[in-house]
Structures are given as C-alpha cells and as structure tokens.
Amino acid sequence: MMIEPPIEELSKKAGNKYKLRVLVSKRAEEIQKHNYEEGINPEVKEITQACNEIMEGKLELDENKK
C-alpha cells in the first residue's frame, strides 16, 4: 500500500484514478528503461519516483497526447 504521496491528492492532479494509473505506469516504464540503459540501480522504485514527479508538478497529464 502506498502512503506517500497520497493517492487522493495524486488523483486530483490527474483528474481521476484511471488517468493516474495510466500516467504513472507509462512514466515508471520510461524511468525503468532509462535506468536499465544507464546501468543505474535506483534507491527509489520507479512507480514511487513517477508519483513524486506528479506531486511536484514535474509531470502532467496531456489530454491531447495519445
């Protein structure tokens, strides 16, 4: 169970929980691919890192992008 950042706050930023799941999973996959290519062993899991990026406003949902 994820505690920080709170799911409800993340959902508000994404619009709903479905959009949040899609956004987080896509970003986490990008982070994981980058870490693998660079040989990086992350201290924080990719999903947590993606959620933190959303909370910090570094990652936003683009409605027009498919």
PDB file of N, CA and C in Angstrom:
ATOM      1  N   MET A   1       0.841  -1.183   0.000  1.00  0.00           N
ATOM      2  CA  MET A   1       0.000   0.000   0.000  1.00  0.00           C
ATOM      3  C   MET A   1       0.883   1.243   0.000  1.00  0.00           C
ATOM      4  N   MET A   2       0.542   2.168  -0.864  1.00  0.00           N
ATOM      5  CA  MET A   2       1.322   3.389  -0.970  1.00  0.00           C
ATOM      6  C   MET A   2       0.773   4.435  -0.009  1.00  0.00           C
ATOM      7  N   ILE A   3       1.659   5.066   0.730  1.00  0.00           N
ATOM      8  CA  ILE A   3       1.253   6.074   1.710  1.00  0.00           C
ATOM      9  C   ILE A   3       1.629   7.469   1.251  1.00  0.00           C
ATOM     10  N   GLU A   4       2.825   7.643   0.760  1.00  0.00           N
ATOM     11  CA  GLU A   4       3.298   8.956   0.316  1.00  0.00           C
ATOM     12  C   GLU A   4       3.730   8.872  -1.126  1.00  0.00           C
ATOM     13  N   PRO A   5       3.335   9.731  -1.963  1.00  0.00           N
ATOM     14  CA  PRO A   5       2.308  10.747  -1.801  1.00  0.00           C
ATOM     15  C   PRO A   5       0.918  10.111  -1.794  1.00  0.00           C
ATOM     16  N   PRO A   6      -0.054  10.768  -1.140  1.00  0.00           N
ATOM     17  CA  PRO A   6      -1.400  10.216  -1.006  1.00  0.00           C
ATOM     18  C   PRO A   6      -2.105  10.044  -2.357  1.00  0.00           C
ATOM     19  N   ILE A   7      -2.751   8.905  -2.543  1.00  0.00           N
ATOM     20  CA  ILE A   7      -3.445   8.593  -3.787  1.00  0.00           C
ATOM     21  C   ILE A   7      -4.527   9.626  -4.111  1.00  0.00           C
ATOM     22  N   GLU A   8      -5.261  10.069  -3.113  1.00  0.00           N
ATOM     23  CA  GLU A   8      -6.346  11.031  -3.361  1.00  0.00           C
ATOM     24  C   GLU A   8      -5.812  12.342  -3.934  1.00  0.00           C
ATOM     25  N   GLU A   9      -4.688  12.806  -3.422  1.00  0.00           N
ATOM     26  CA  GLU A   9      -4.095  14.044  -3.947  1.00  0.00           C
ATOM     27  C   GLU A   9      -3.574  13.835  -5.368  1.00  0.00           C
ATOM     28  N   LEU A  10      -2.971  12.679  -5.620  1.00  0.00           N
ATOM     29  CA  LEU A  10      -2.493  12.380  -6.965  1.00  0.00           C
ATOM     30  C   LEU A  10      -3.649  12.290  -7.947  1.00  0.00           C
ATOM     31  N   SER A  11      -4.750  11.682  -7.513  1.00  0.00           N
ATOM     32  CA  SER A  11      -5.936  11.542  -8.369  1.00  0.00           C
ATOM     33  C   SER A  11      -6.489  12.899  -8.769  1.00  0.00           C
ATOM     34  N   LYS A  12      -6.476  13.844  -7.839  1.00  0.00           N
ATOM     35  CA  LYS A  12      -6.963  15.191  -8.141  1.00  0.00           C
ATOM     36  C   LYS A  12      -6.109  15.839  -9.221  1.00  0.00           C
ATOM     37  N   LYS A  13      -4.808  15.629  -9.162  1.00  0.00           N
ATOM     38  CA  LYS A  13      -3.911  16.220 -10.152  1.00  0.00           C
ATOM     39  C   LYS A  13      -4.106  15.594 -11.529  1.00  0.00           C
ATOM     40  N   ALA A  14      -4.393  14.290 -11.560  1.00  0.00           N
ATOM     41  CA  ALA A  14      -4.555  13.586 -12.833  1.00  0.00           C
ATOM     42  C   ALA A  14      -5.977  13.674 -13.373  1.00  0.00           C
ATOM     43  N   GLY A  15      -6.943  13.933 -12.521  1.00  0.00           N
ATOM     44  CA  GLY A  15      -8.334  14.008 -12.957  1.00  0.00           C
ATOM     45  C   GLY A  15      -9.160  12.872 -12.397  1.00  0.00           C
ATOM     46  N   ASN A  16      -8.617  11.657 -12.446  1.00  0.00           N
ATOM     47  CA  ASN A  16      -9.270  10.501 -11.835  1.00  0.00           C
ATOM     48  C   ASN A  16      -8.247   9.383 -11.658  1.00  0.00           C
ATOM     49  N   LYS A  17      -8.654   8.327 -10.980  1.00  0.00           N
ATOM     50  CA  LYS A  17      -7.710   7.252 -10.661  1.00  0.00           C
ATOM     51  C   LYS A  17      -7.273   6.472 -11.896  1.00  0.00           C
ATOM     52  N   TYR A  18      -8.139   6.364 -12.897  1.00  0.00           N
ATOM     53  CA  TYR A  18      -7.749   5.659 -14.117  1.00  0.00           C
ATOM     54  C   TYR A  18      -6.643   6.414 -14.848  1.00  0.00           C
ATOM     55  N   LYS A  19      -6.847   7.708 -15.044  1.00  0.00           N
ATOM     56  CA  LYS A  19      -5.830   8.522 -15.714  1.00  0.00           C
ATOM     57  C   LYS A  19      -4.525   8.510 -14.924  1.00  0.00           C
ATOM     58  N   LEU A  20      -4.644   8.528 -13.613  1.00  0.00           N
ATOM     59  CA  LEU A  20      -3.462   8.475 -12.755  1.00  0.00           C
ATOM     60  C   LEU A  20      -2.699   7.186 -12.988  1.00  0.00           C
ATOM     61  N   ARG A  21      -3.403   6.064 -13.036  1.00  0.00           N
ATOM     62  CA  ARG A  21      -2.748   4.774 -13.240  1.00  0.00           C
ATOM     63  C   ARG A  21      -2.010   4.729 -14.568  1.00  0.00           C
ATOM     64  N   VAL A  22      -2.655   5.242 -15.607  1.00  0.00           N
ATOM     65  CA  VAL A  22      -2.036   5.250 -16.930  1.00  0.00           C
ATOM     66  C   VAL A  22      -0.789   6.134 -16.930  1.00  0.00           C
ATOM     67  N   LEU A  23      -0.917   7.318 -16.387  1.00  0.00           N
ATOM     68  CA  LEU A  23       0.196   8.265 -16.349  1.00  0.00           C
ATOM     69  C   LEU A  23       1.373   7.706 -15.547  1.00  0.00           C
ATOM     70  N   VAL A  24       1.086   7.173 -14.375  1.00  0.00           N
ATOM     71  CA  VAL A  24       2.151   6.643 -13.515  1.00  0.00           C
ATOM     72  C   VAL A  24       2.816   5.426 -14.159  1.00  0.00           C
ATOM     73  N   SER A  25       2.028   4.531 -14.728  1.00  0.00           N
ATOM     74  CA  SER A  25       2.627   3.330 -15.311  1.00  0.00           C
ATOM     75  C   SER A  25       3.501   3.655 -16.519  1.00  0.00           C
ATOM     76  N   LYS A  26       3.042   4.590 -17.358  1.00  0.00           N
ATOM     77  CA  LYS A  26       3.860   4.967 -18.521  1.00  0.00           C
ATOM     78  C   LYS A  26       5.165   5.632 -18.089  1.00  0.00           C
ATOM     79  N   ARG A  27       5.066   6.543 -17.124  1.00  0.00           N
ATOM     80  CA  ARG A  27       6.276   7.234 -16.666  1.00  0.00           C
ATOM     81  C   ARG A  27       7.223   6.272 -15.952  1.00  0.00           C
ATOM     82  N   ALA A  28       6.677   5.372 -15.143  1.00  0.00           N
ATOM     83  CA  ALA A  28       7.519   4.405 -14.441  1.00  0.00           C
ATOM     84  C   ALA A  28       8.247   3.503 -15.435  1.00  0.00           C
ATOM     85  N   GLU A  29       7.588   3.150 -16.517  1.00  0.00           N
ATOM     86  CA  GLU A  29       8.220   2.338 -17.554  1.00  0.00           C
ATOM     87  C   GLU A  29       9.366   3.106 -18.218  1.00  0.00           C
ATOM     88  N   GLU A  30       9.156   4.393 -18.486  1.00  0.00           N
ATOM     89  CA  GLU A  30      10.219   5.226 -19.064  1.00  0.00           C
ATOM     90  C   GLU A  30      11.424   5.296 -18.125  1.00  0.00           C
ATOM     91  N   ILE A  31      11.149   5.501 -16.845  1.00  0.00           N
ATOM     92  CA  ILE A  31      12.220   5.599 -15.847  1.00  0.00           C
ATOM     93  C   ILE A  31      12.981   4.282 -15.768  1.00  0.00           C
ATOM     94  N   GLN A  32      12.244   3.174 -15.750  1.00  0.00           N
ATOM     95  CA  GLN A  32      12.875   1.856 -15.660  1.00  0.00           C
ATOM     96  C   GLN A  32      13.765   1.589 -16.870  1.00  0.00           C
ATOM     97  N   LYS A  33      13.280   1.945 -18.058  1.00  0.00           N
ATOM     98  CA  LYS A  33      14.066   1.761 -19.277  1.00  0.00           C
ATOM     99  C   LYS A  33      15.338   2.591 -19.228  1.00  0.00           C
ATOM    100  N   HIS A  34      15.210   3.844 -18.814  1.00  0.00           N
ATOM    101  CA  HIS A  34      16.378   4.720 -18.703  1.00  0.00           C
ATOM    102  C   HIS A  34      17.384   4.164 -17.699  1.00  0.00           C
ATOM    103  N   ASN A  35      16.894   3.737 -16.544  1.00  0.00           N
ATOM    104  CA  ASN A  35      17.785   3.189 -15.520  1.00  0.00           C
ATOM    105  C   ASN A  35      18.520   1.953 -16.029  1.00  0.00           C
ATOM    106  N   TYR A  36      17.827   1.096 -16.776  1.00  0.00           N
ATOM    107  CA  TYR A  36      18.445  -0.109 -17.314  1.00  0.00           C
ATOM    108  C   TYR A  36      19.531   0.243 -18.329  1.00  0.00           C
ATOM    109  N   GLU A  37      19.202   1.177 -19.234  1.00  0.00           N
ATOM    110  CA  GLU A  37      20.161   1.577 -20.266  1.00  0.00           C
ATOM    111  C   GLU A  37      21.404   2.232 -19.674  1.00  0.00           C
ATOM    112  N   GLU A  38      21.238   2.987 -18.601  1.00  0.00           N
ATOM    113  CA  GLU A  38      22.353   3.689 -17.974  1.00  0.00           C
ATOM    114  C   GLU A  38      23.044   2.862 -16.889  1.00  0.00           C
ATOM    115  N   GLY A  39      22.502   1.698 -16.586  1.00  0.00           N
ATOM    116  CA  GLY A  39      23.085   0.850 -15.548  1.00  0.00           C
ATOM    117  C   GLY A  39      22.895   1.408 -14.144  1.00  0.00           C
ATOM    118  N   ILE A  40      21.798   2.116 -13.946  1.00  0.00           N
ATOM    119  CA  ILE A  40      21.514   2.754 -12.658  1.00  0.00           C
ATOM    120  C   ILE A  40      20.696   1.812 -11.799  1.00  0.00           C
ATOM    121  N   ASN A  41      21.094   1.677 -10.539  1.00  0.00           N
ATOM    122  CA  ASN A  41      20.323   0.916  -9.565  1.00  0.00           C
ATOM    123  C   ASN A  41      19.631   1.939  -8.666  1.00  0.00           C
ATOM    124  N   PRO A  42      18.344   2.207  -8.911  1.00  0.00           N
ATOM    125  CA  PRO A  42      17.669   3.289  -8.200  1.00  0.00           C
ATOM    126  C   PRO A  42      17.459   2.995  -6.718  1.00  0.00           C
ATOM    127  N   GLU A  43      17.512   4.061  -5.917  1.00  0.00           N
ATOM    128  CA  GLU A  43      17.240   3.946  -4.485  1.00  0.00           C
ATOM    129  C   GLU A  43      15.742   3.886  -4.232  1.00  0.00           C
ATOM    130  N   VAL A  44      14.966   4.515  -5.128  1.00  0.00           N
ATOM    131  CA  VAL A  44      13.518   4.588  -5.006  1.00  0.00           C
ATOM    132  C   VAL A  44      12.906   3.847  -6.194  1.00  0.00           C
ATOM    133  N   LYS A  45      11.846   3.098  -5.945  1.00  0.00           N
ATOM    134  CA  LYS A  45      11.198   2.368  -7.032  1.00  0.00           C
ATOM    135  C   LYS A  45      10.659   3.342  -8.076  1.00  0.00           C
ATOM    136  N   GLU A  46      10.596   2.858  -9.305  1.00  0.00           N
ATOM    137  CA  GLU A  46      10.195   3.691 -10.424  1.00  0.00           C
ATOM    138  C   GLU A  46       8.781   4.247 -10.250  1.00  0.00           C
ATOM    139  N   ILE A  47       7.875   3.448  -9.716  1.00  0.00           N
ATOM    140  CA  ILE A  47       6.498   3.912  -9.512  1.00  0.00           C
ATOM    141  C   ILE A  47       6.462   5.053  -8.505  1.00  0.00           C
ATOM    142  N   THR A  48       7.219   4.919  -7.436  1.00  0.00           N
ATOM    143  CA  THR A  48       7.276   5.974  -6.430  1.00  0.00           C
ATOM    144  C   THR A  48       7.868   7.241  -7.026  1.00  0.00           C
ATOM    145  N   GLN A  49       8.893   7.082  -7.825  1.00  0.00           N
ATOM    146  CA  GLN A  49       9.524   8.239  -8.465  1.00  0.00           C
ATOM    147  C   GLN A  49       8.527   8.943  -9.396  1.00  0.00           C
ATOM    148  N   ALA A  50       7.756   8.187 -10.159  1.00  0.00           N
ATOM    149  CA  ALA A  50       6.758   8.774 -11.055  1.00  0.00           C
ATOM    150  C   ALA A  50       5.686   9.514 -10.256  1.00  0.00           C
ATOM    151  N   CYS A  51       5.237   8.935  -9.156  1.00  0.00           N
ATOM    152  CA  CYS A  51       4.235   9.597  -8.303  1.00  0.00           C
ATOM    153  C   CYS A  51       4.790  10.884  -7.714  1.00  0.00           C
ATOM    154  N   ASN A  52       6.024  10.847  -7.293  1.00  0.00           N
ATOM    155  CA  ASN A  52       6.648  12.059  -6.747  1.00  0.00           C
ATOM    156  C   ASN A  52       6.744  13.152  -7.796  1.00  0.00           C
ATOM    157  N   GLU A  53       7.039  12.775  -9.039  1.00  0.00           N
ATOM    158  CA  GLU A  53       7.115  13.760 -10.115  1.00  0.00           C
ATOM    159  C   GLU A  53       5.752  14.428 -10.340  1.00  0.00           C
ATOM    160  N   ILE A  54       4.677  13.656 -10.239  1.00  0.00           N
ATOM    161  CA  ILE A  54       3.339  14.220 -10.390  1.00  0.00           C
ATOM    162  C   ILE A  54       3.053  15.193  -9.254  1.00  0.00           C
ATOM    163  N   MET A  55       3.350  14.807  -8.023  1.00  0.00           N
ATOM    164  CA  MET A  55       3.096  15.664  -6.867  1.00  0.00           C
ATOM    165  C   MET A  55       3.891  16.957  -6.940  1.00  0.00           C
ATOM    166  N   GLU A  56       5.103  16.896  -7.462  1.00  0.00           N
ATOM    167  CA  GLU A  56       5.967  18.070  -7.558  1.00  0.00           C
ATOM    168  C   GLU A  56       5.631  18.931  -8.778  1.00  0.00           C
ATOM    169  N   GLY A  57       4.700  18.467  -9.608  1.00  0.00           N
ATOM    170  CA  GLY A  57       4.313  19.231 -10.790  1.00  0.00           C
ATOM    171  C   GLY A  57       5.264  19.075 -11.955  1.00  0.00           C
ATOM    172  N   LYS A  58       6.166  18.118 -11.889  1.00  0.00           N
ATOM    173  CA  LYS A  58       7.119  17.895 -12.977  1.00  0.00           C
ATOM    174  C   LYS A  58       6.505  17.089 -14.113  1.00  0.00           C
ATOM    175  N   LEU A  59       5.422  16.389 -13.815  1.00  0.00           N
ATOM    176  CA  LEU A  59       4.780  15.524 -14.795  1.00  0.00           C
ATOM    177  C   LEU A  59       3.291  15.813 -14.771  1.00  0.00           C
ATOM    178  N   GLU A  60       2.735  16.106 -15.940  1.00  0.00           N
ATOM    179  CA  GLU A  60       1.320  16.432 -16.029  1.00  0.00           C
ATOM    180  C   GLU A  60       0.673  15.605 -17.127  1.00  0.00           C
ATOM    181  N   LEU A  61      -0.615  15.417 -17.001  1.00  0.00           N
ATOM    182  CA  LEU A  61      -1.381  14.680 -17.992  1.00  0.00           C
ATOM    183  C   LEU A  61      -1.643  15.566 -19.193  1.00  0.00           C
ATOM    184  N   ASP A  62      -1.306  15.084 -20.356  1.00  0.00           N
ATOM    185  CA  ASP A  62      -1.566  15.810 -21.592  1.00  0.00           C
ATOM    186  C   ASP A  62      -2.758  15.136 -22.272  1.00  0.00           C
ATOM    187  N   GLU A  63      -3.920  15.782 -22.210  1.00  0.00           N
ATOM    188  CA  GLU A  63      -5.147  15.217 -22.759  1.00  0.00           C
ATOM    189  C   GLU A  63      -5.072  14.986 -24.270  1.00  0.00           C
ATOM    190  N   ASN A  64      -4.287  15.776 -24.971  1.00  0.00           N
ATOM    191  CA  ASN A  64      -4.218  15.680 -26.425  1.00  0.00           C
ATOM    192  C   ASN A  64      -3.248  14.621 -26.895  1.00  0.00           C
ATOM    193  N   LYS A  65      -2.361  14.159 -26.036  1.00  0.00           N
ATOM    194  CA  LYS A  65      -1.354  13.174 -26.410  1.00  0.00           C
ATOM    195  C   LYS A  65      -1.926  11.782 -26.295  1.00  0.00           C
ATOM    196  N   LYS A  66      -1.670  10.958 -27.287  1.00  0.00           N
ATOM    197  CA  LYS A  66      -2.191   9.584 -27.266  1.00  0.00           C
ATOM    198  C   LYS A  66      -1.083   8.604 -27.210  1.00  0.00           C
TER     199      LYS A  66
END
